[in-house]
Amino acid sequence: MNTKTKISLAAILLGLGVCFYFTPHLAVRGMRSAAEEKNAAKFSGYVDFPAVKENLKASFNAKLASQLGKEKGANPFAAMGDAMAAALINPIVESLVTPESLAIMMEGDKSQPGENNTKSPQSGPGTDTSMSYESFDRFVVTVKQKRETGGAIGLVFNRDGIFSWKLSALRLPI
């Protein structure tokens, strides 16, 4: 191999590496674009609904168990309440986290043709957003309201194939 071929090959590999590194950023950008356009079908393509459902069920059930765990010694009905709450949480999450419900939520804020939409991205306090890899196959977008003391929301993306990513979990400040 001559020098020109080696340099070309190195440049191609470097370019592929850069593209590979930024693929989750492109997925987040596509998801944000779909949300701004209120395109539920496009947005749904970025979401792994079964994984998000399981994650939310586990989060809510863990929070509930920790709250009820504090009362189990003092309240003999705490175990029954725990079972009833789990029986309620699972169907609620199953019914709310669907492509159809996402489409309904996105339709709810659409402006009518000819109306002036006075909302702007700058109105309101804004958000602080950070993006980082947790591992080779996991990328997290952390969103926090500026000037808020509450916790941040984490959007967890997992690799789906070689170059695509899907939202697979939510880290809620509960």
C-alpha atoms as a PDB file:
ATOM      1  CA  MET A   1       0.000   0.000   0.000  1.00  0.00           C
ATOM      2  CA  ASN A   2       1.258   3.403  -0.844  1.00  0.00           C
ATOM      3  CA  THR A   3       1.012   6.431   1.431  1.00  0.00           C
ATOM      4  CA  LYS A   4      -1.933   7.978  -0.409  1.00  0.00           C
ATOM      5  CA  THR A   5      -4.003   4.794   0.025  1.00  0.00           C
ATOM      6  CA  LYS A   6      -3.122   4.571   3.735  1.00  0.00           C
ATOM      7  CA  ILE A   7      -4.126   8.198   4.314  1.00  0.00           C
ATOM      8  CA  SER A   8      -7.382   7.714   2.403  1.00  0.00           C
ATOM      9  CA  LEU A   9      -8.193   4.560   4.365  1.00  0.00           C
ATOM     10  CA  ALA A  10      -7.384   6.291   7.661  1.00  0.00           C
ATOM     11  CA  ALA A  11      -9.596   9.259   6.699  1.00  0.00           C
ATOM     12  CA  ILE A  12     -12.479   6.939   5.797  1.00  0.00           C
ATOM     13  CA  LEU A  13     -12.135   5.007   9.071  1.00  0.00           C
ATOM     14  CA  LEU A  14     -11.942   8.252  11.038  1.00  0.00           C
ATOM     15  CA  GLY A  15     -15.051   9.555   9.276  1.00  0.00           C
ATOM     16  CA  LEU A  16     -16.944   6.343  10.028  1.00  0.00           C
ATOM     17  CA  GLY A  17     -15.832   6.519  13.653  1.00  0.00           C
ATOM     18  CA  VAL A  18     -17.066  10.100  13.989  1.00  0.00           C
ATOM     19  CA  CYS A  19     -20.393   9.181  12.366  1.00  0.00           C
ATOM     20  CA  PHE A  20     -20.689   6.153  14.648  1.00  0.00           C
ATOM     21  CA  TYR A  21     -19.976   8.302  17.726  1.00  0.00           C
ATOM     22  CA  PHE A  22     -22.617  10.907  16.846  1.00  0.00           C
ATOM     23  CA  THR A  23     -25.440   8.502  15.909  1.00  0.00           C
ATOM     24  CA  PRO A  24     -27.240   8.915  19.267  1.00  0.00           C
ATOM     25  CA  HIS A  25     -27.069  12.692  18.868  1.00  0.00           C
ATOM     26  CA  LEU A  26     -28.748  12.318  15.482  1.00  0.00           C
ATOM     27  CA  ALA A  27     -31.465  10.128  17.022  1.00  0.00           C
ATOM     28  CA  VAL A  28     -32.131  12.736  19.717  1.00  0.00           C
ATOM     29  CA  ARG A  29     -32.250  15.454  17.075  1.00  0.00           C
ATOM     30  CA  GLY A  30     -34.702  13.408  14.973  1.00  0.00           C
ATOM     31  CA  MET A  31     -36.859  12.734  18.011  1.00  0.00           C
ATOM     32  CA  ARG A  32     -36.890  16.425  18.941  1.00  0.00           C
ATOM     33  CA  SER A  33     -37.762  17.347  15.355  1.00  0.00           C
ATOM     34  CA  ALA A  34     -40.648  14.853  15.311  1.00  0.00           C
ATOM     35  CA  ALA A  35     -41.947  16.240  18.609  1.00  0.00           C
ATOM     36  CA  GLU A  36     -41.782  19.832  17.353  1.00  0.00           C
ATOM     37  CA  GLU A  37     -43.609  18.814  14.165  1.00  0.00           C
ATOM     38  CA  LYS A  38     -46.098  16.818  16.279  1.00  0.00           C
ATOM     39  CA  ASN A  39     -45.452  13.826  14.033  1.00  0.00           C
ATOM     40  CA  ALA A  40     -46.419  10.915  16.289  1.00  0.00           C
ATOM     41  CA  ALA A  41     -45.579   8.229  13.724  1.00  0.00           C
ATOM     42  CA  LYS A  42     -42.036   9.526  13.266  1.00  0.00           C
ATOM     43  CA  PHE A  43     -41.631  10.039  17.024  1.00  0.00           C
ATOM     44  CA  SER A  44     -42.830   6.484  17.745  1.00  0.00           C
ATOM     45  CA  GLY A  45     -40.041   5.162  15.546  1.00  0.00           C
ATOM     46  CA  TYR A  46     -37.561   6.401  18.138  1.00  0.00           C
ATOM     47  CA  VAL A  47     -39.291   4.692  21.101  1.00  0.00           C
ATOM     48  CA  ASP A  48     -39.052   1.071  22.233  1.00  0.00           C
ATOM     49  CA  PHE A  49     -42.505   0.994  23.845  1.00  0.00           C
ATOM     50  CA  PRO A  50     -42.236  -2.447  25.534  1.00  0.00           C
ATOM     51  CA  ALA A  51     -38.925  -1.473  27.174  1.00  0.00           C
ATOM     52  CA  VAL A  52     -40.250   1.921  28.316  1.00  0.00           C
ATOM     53  CA  LYS A  53     -43.366   0.266  29.772  1.00  0.00           C
ATOM     54  CA  GLU A  54     -41.337  -2.273  31.731  1.00  0.00           C
ATOM     55  CA  ASN A  55     -38.993   0.447  32.973  1.00  0.00           C
ATOM     56  CA  LEU A  56     -41.858   2.649  34.178  1.00  0.00           C
ATOM     57  CA  LYS A  57     -43.637  -0.256  35.862  1.00  0.00           C
ATOM     58  CA  ALA A  58     -40.450  -1.208  37.687  1.00  0.00           C
ATOM     59  CA  SER A  59     -39.786   2.402  38.737  1.00  0.00           C
ATOM     60  CA  PHE A  60     -43.290   3.026  40.038  1.00  0.00           C
ATOM     61  CA  ASN A  61     -43.488  -0.342  41.793  1.00  0.00           C
ATOM     62  CA  ALA A  62     -40.073   0.204  43.435  1.00  0.00           C
ATOM     63  CA  LYS A  63     -41.092   3.658  44.649  1.00  0.00           C
ATOM     64  CA  LEU A  64     -44.372   2.280  45.943  1.00  0.00           C
ATOM     65  CA  ALA A  65     -42.623  -0.601  47.701  1.00  0.00           C
ATOM     66  CA  SER A  66     -40.198   1.779  49.410  1.00  0.00           C
ATOM     67  CA  GLN A  67     -43.058   4.007  50.591  1.00  0.00           C
ATOM     68  CA  LEU A  68     -45.149   1.094  51.810  1.00  0.00           C
ATOM     69  CA  GLY A  69     -42.104  -0.596  53.334  1.00  0.00           C
ATOM     70  CA  LYS A  70     -41.928   2.227  55.855  1.00  0.00           C
ATOM     71  CA  GLU A  71     -45.484   1.477  56.973  1.00  0.00           C
ATOM     72  CA  LYS A  72     -45.479  -2.348  56.922  1.00  0.00           C
ATOM     73  CA  GLY A  73     -44.519  -2.722  60.579  1.00  0.00           C
ATOM     74  CA  ALA A  74     -47.174  -0.299  61.824  1.00  0.00           C
ATOM     75  CA  ASN A  75     -49.985  -1.165  59.421  1.00  0.00           C
ATOM     76  CA  PRO A  76     -51.270  -4.716  58.933  1.00  0.00           C
ATOM     77  CA  PHE A  77     -53.050  -3.697  55.718  1.00  0.00           C
ATOM     78  CA  ALA A  78     -49.882  -2.370  54.031  1.00  0.00           C
ATOM     79  CA  ALA A  79     -49.232  -5.644  52.172  1.00  0.00           C
ATOM     80  CA  MET A  80     -52.768  -5.632  50.802  1.00  0.00           C
ATOM     81  CA  GLY A  81     -52.342  -1.997  49.734  1.00  0.00           C
ATOM     82  CA  ASP A  82     -49.058  -2.903  48.065  1.00  0.00           C
ATOM     83  CA  ALA A  83     -50.733  -5.644  46.020  1.00  0.00           C
ATOM     84  CA  MET A  84     -53.652  -3.403  45.074  1.00  0.00           C
ATOM     85  CA  ALA A  85     -51.372  -0.564  44.001  1.00  0.00           C
ATOM     86  CA  ALA A  86     -49.259  -2.884  41.843  1.00  0.00           C
ATOM     87  CA  ALA A  87     -52.458  -4.178  40.272  1.00  0.00           C
ATOM     88  CA  LEU A  88     -53.372  -0.586  39.382  1.00  0.00           C
ATOM     89  CA  ILE A  89     -49.956   0.621  38.207  1.00  0.00           C
ATOM     90  CA  ASN A  90     -49.379  -2.065  35.582  1.00  0.00           C
ATOM     91  CA  PRO A  91     -52.599  -1.527  33.578  1.00  0.00           C
ATOM     92  CA  ILE A  92     -52.276   2.260  33.825  1.00  0.00           C
ATOM     93  CA  VAL A  93     -48.769   2.179  32.364  1.00  0.00           C
ATOM     94  CA  GLU A  94     -49.850  -0.352  29.715  1.00  0.00           C
ATOM     95  CA  SER A  95     -52.712   1.879  28.593  1.00  0.00           C
ATOM     96  CA  LEU A  96     -50.880   5.214  28.690  1.00  0.00           C
ATOM     97  CA  VAL A  97     -47.561   4.300  27.080  1.00  0.00           C
ATOM     98  CA  THR A  98     -48.681   3.408  23.550  1.00  0.00           C
ATOM     99  CA  PRO A  99     -48.139   4.898  20.097  1.00  0.00           C
ATOM    100  CA  GLU A 100     -51.850   5.765  20.000  1.00  0.00           C
ATOM    101  CA  SER A 101     -51.785   7.699  23.285  1.00  0.00           C
ATOM    102  CA  LEU A 102     -48.653   9.467  22.102  1.00  0.00           C
ATOM    103  CA  ALA A 103     -50.470  10.530  18.934  1.00  0.00           C
ATOM    104  CA  ILE A 104     -53.414  11.808  20.992  1.00  0.00           C
ATOM    105  CA  MET A 105     -51.101  13.800  23.269  1.00  0.00           C
ATOM    106  CA  MET A 106     -49.347  15.346  20.286  1.00  0.00           C
ATOM    107  CA  GLU A 107     -52.646  16.233  18.604  1.00  0.00           C
ATOM    108  CA  GLY A 108     -53.847  18.062  21.699  1.00  0.00           C
ATOM    109  CA  ASP A 109     -51.536  21.051  21.251  1.00  0.00           C
ATOM    110  CA  LYS A 110     -51.777  21.581  17.484  1.00  0.00           C
ATOM    111  CA  SER A 111     -52.611  25.097  16.372  1.00  0.00           C
ATOM    112  CA  GLN A 112     -55.403  25.569  13.886  1.00  0.00           C
ATOM    113  CA  PRO A 113     -54.430  26.771  10.415  1.00  0.00           C
ATOM    114  CA  GLY A 114     -54.312  30.562  10.285  1.00  0.00           C
ATOM    115  CA  GLU A 115     -53.916  30.958  14.059  1.00  0.00           C
ATOM    116  CA  ASN A 116     -50.946  32.811  15.435  1.00  0.00           C
ATOM    117  CA  ASN A 117     -48.917  30.625  17.698  1.00  0.00           C
ATOM    118  CA  THR A 118     -47.402  32.940  20.296  1.00  0.00           C
ATOM    119  CA  LYS A 119     -45.343  30.241  21.955  1.00  0.00           C
ATOM    120  CA  SER A 120     -41.661  30.436  21.311  1.00  0.00           C
ATOM    121  CA  PRO A 121     -38.830  28.206  22.407  1.00  0.00           C
ATOM    122  CA  GLN A 122     -37.436  31.106  24.424  1.00  0.00           C
ATOM    123  CA  SER A 123     -40.634  31.695  26.426  1.00  0.00           C
ATOM    124  CA  GLY A 124     -40.495  30.193  29.879  1.00  0.00           C
ATOM    125  CA  PRO A 125     -37.520  29.410  32.049  1.00  0.00           C
ATOM    126  CA  GLY A 126     -35.874  26.929  29.657  1.00  0.00           C
ATOM    127  CA  THR A 127     -34.013  23.749  30.336  1.00  0.00           C
ATOM    128  CA  ASP A 128     -30.491  22.502  30.858  1.00  0.00           C
ATOM    129  CA  THR A 129     -29.754  19.467  28.712  1.00  0.00           C
ATOM    130  CA  SER A 130     -26.724  17.218  28.774  1.00  0.00           C
ATOM    131  CA  MET A 131     -25.930  14.138  26.705  1.00  0.00           C
ATOM    132  CA  SER A 132     -23.414  11.431  27.468  1.00  0.00           C
ATOM    133  CA  TYR A 133     -22.562   7.791  26.888  1.00  0.00           C
ATOM    134  CA  GLU A 134     -22.970   5.491  29.895  1.00  0.00           C
ATOM    135  CA  SER A 135     -21.623   2.551  27.942  1.00  0.00           C
ATOM    136  CA  PHE A 136     -21.025   1.531  24.354  1.00  0.00           C
ATOM    137  CA  ASP A 137     -24.721   0.687  23.911  1.00  0.00           C
ATOM    138  CA  ARG A 138     -26.337   3.185  26.312  1.00  0.00           C
ATOM    139  CA  PHE A 139     -26.688   6.939  25.843  1.00  0.00           C
ATOM    140  CA  VAL A 140     -28.434   9.230  28.331  1.00  0.00           C
ATOM    141  CA  VAL A 141     -29.990  12.640  27.775  1.00  0.00           C
ATOM    142  CA  THR A 142     -30.531  14.474  31.055  1.00  0.00           C
ATOM    143  CA  VAL A 143     -33.056  17.313  31.082  1.00  0.00           C
ATOM    144  CA  LYS A 144     -33.524  19.684  33.999  1.00  0.00           C
ATOM    145  CA  GLN A 145     -35.548  22.862  34.294  1.00  0.00           C
ATOM    146  CA  LYS A 146     -33.395  25.917  34.909  1.00  0.00           C
ATOM    147  CA  ARG A 147     -33.816  27.484  38.342  1.00  0.00           C
ATOM    148  CA  GLU A 148     -35.679  24.425  39.626  1.00  0.00           C
ATOM    149  CA  THR A 149     -34.601  22.450  42.650  1.00  0.00           C
ATOM    150  CA  GLY A 150     -36.341  19.230  41.561  1.00  0.00           C
ATOM    151  CA  GLY A 151     -34.539  16.323  40.025  1.00  0.00           C
ATOM    152  CA  ALA A 152     -33.639  15.863  36.413  1.00  0.00           C
ATOM    153  CA  ILE A 153     -35.339  13.532  33.967  1.00  0.00           C
ATOM    154  CA  GLY A 154     -33.120  11.040  32.185  1.00  0.00           C
ATOM    155  CA  LEU A 155     -33.978   9.741  28.724  1.00  0.00           C
ATOM    156  CA  VAL A 156     -32.089   6.481  28.247  1.00  0.00           C
ATOM    157  CA  PHE A 157     -31.384   5.391  24.681  1.00  0.00           C
ATOM    158  CA  ASN A 158     -30.106   1.923  23.816  1.00  0.00           C
ATOM    159  CA  ARG A 159     -28.469   0.967  20.559  1.00  0.00           C
ATOM    160  CA  ASP A 160     -30.881  -0.667  18.104  1.00  0.00           C
ATOM    161  CA  GLY A 161     -28.709  -2.212  15.430  1.00  0.00           C
ATOM    162  CA  ILE A 162     -25.417  -0.626  14.446  1.00  0.00           C
ATOM    163  CA  PHE A 163     -26.319   2.986  13.741  1.00  0.00           C
ATOM    164  CA  SER A 164     -29.778   3.531  15.253  1.00  0.00           C
ATOM    165  CA  TRP A 165     -30.934   4.233  18.792  1.00  0.00           C
ATOM    166  CA  LYS A 166     -34.273   3.968  20.593  1.00  0.00           C
ATOM    167  CA  LEU A 167     -35.604   5.447  23.805  1.00  0.00           C
ATOM    168  CA  SER A 168     -35.805   2.480  26.161  1.00  0.00           C
ATOM    169  CA  ALA A 169     -36.143   3.931  29.654  1.00  0.00           C
ATOM    170  CA  LEU A 170     -37.045   7.045  31.592  1.00  0.00           C
ATOM    171  CA  ARG A 171     -35.336   8.040  34.810  1.00  0.00           C
ATOM    172  CA  LEU A 172     -37.891  10.069  36.704  1.00  0.00           C
ATOM    173  CA  PRO A 173     -37.171  12.073  39.863  1.00  0.00           C
ATOM    174  CA  ILE A 174     -39.654  10.114  41.971  1.00  0.00           C
END
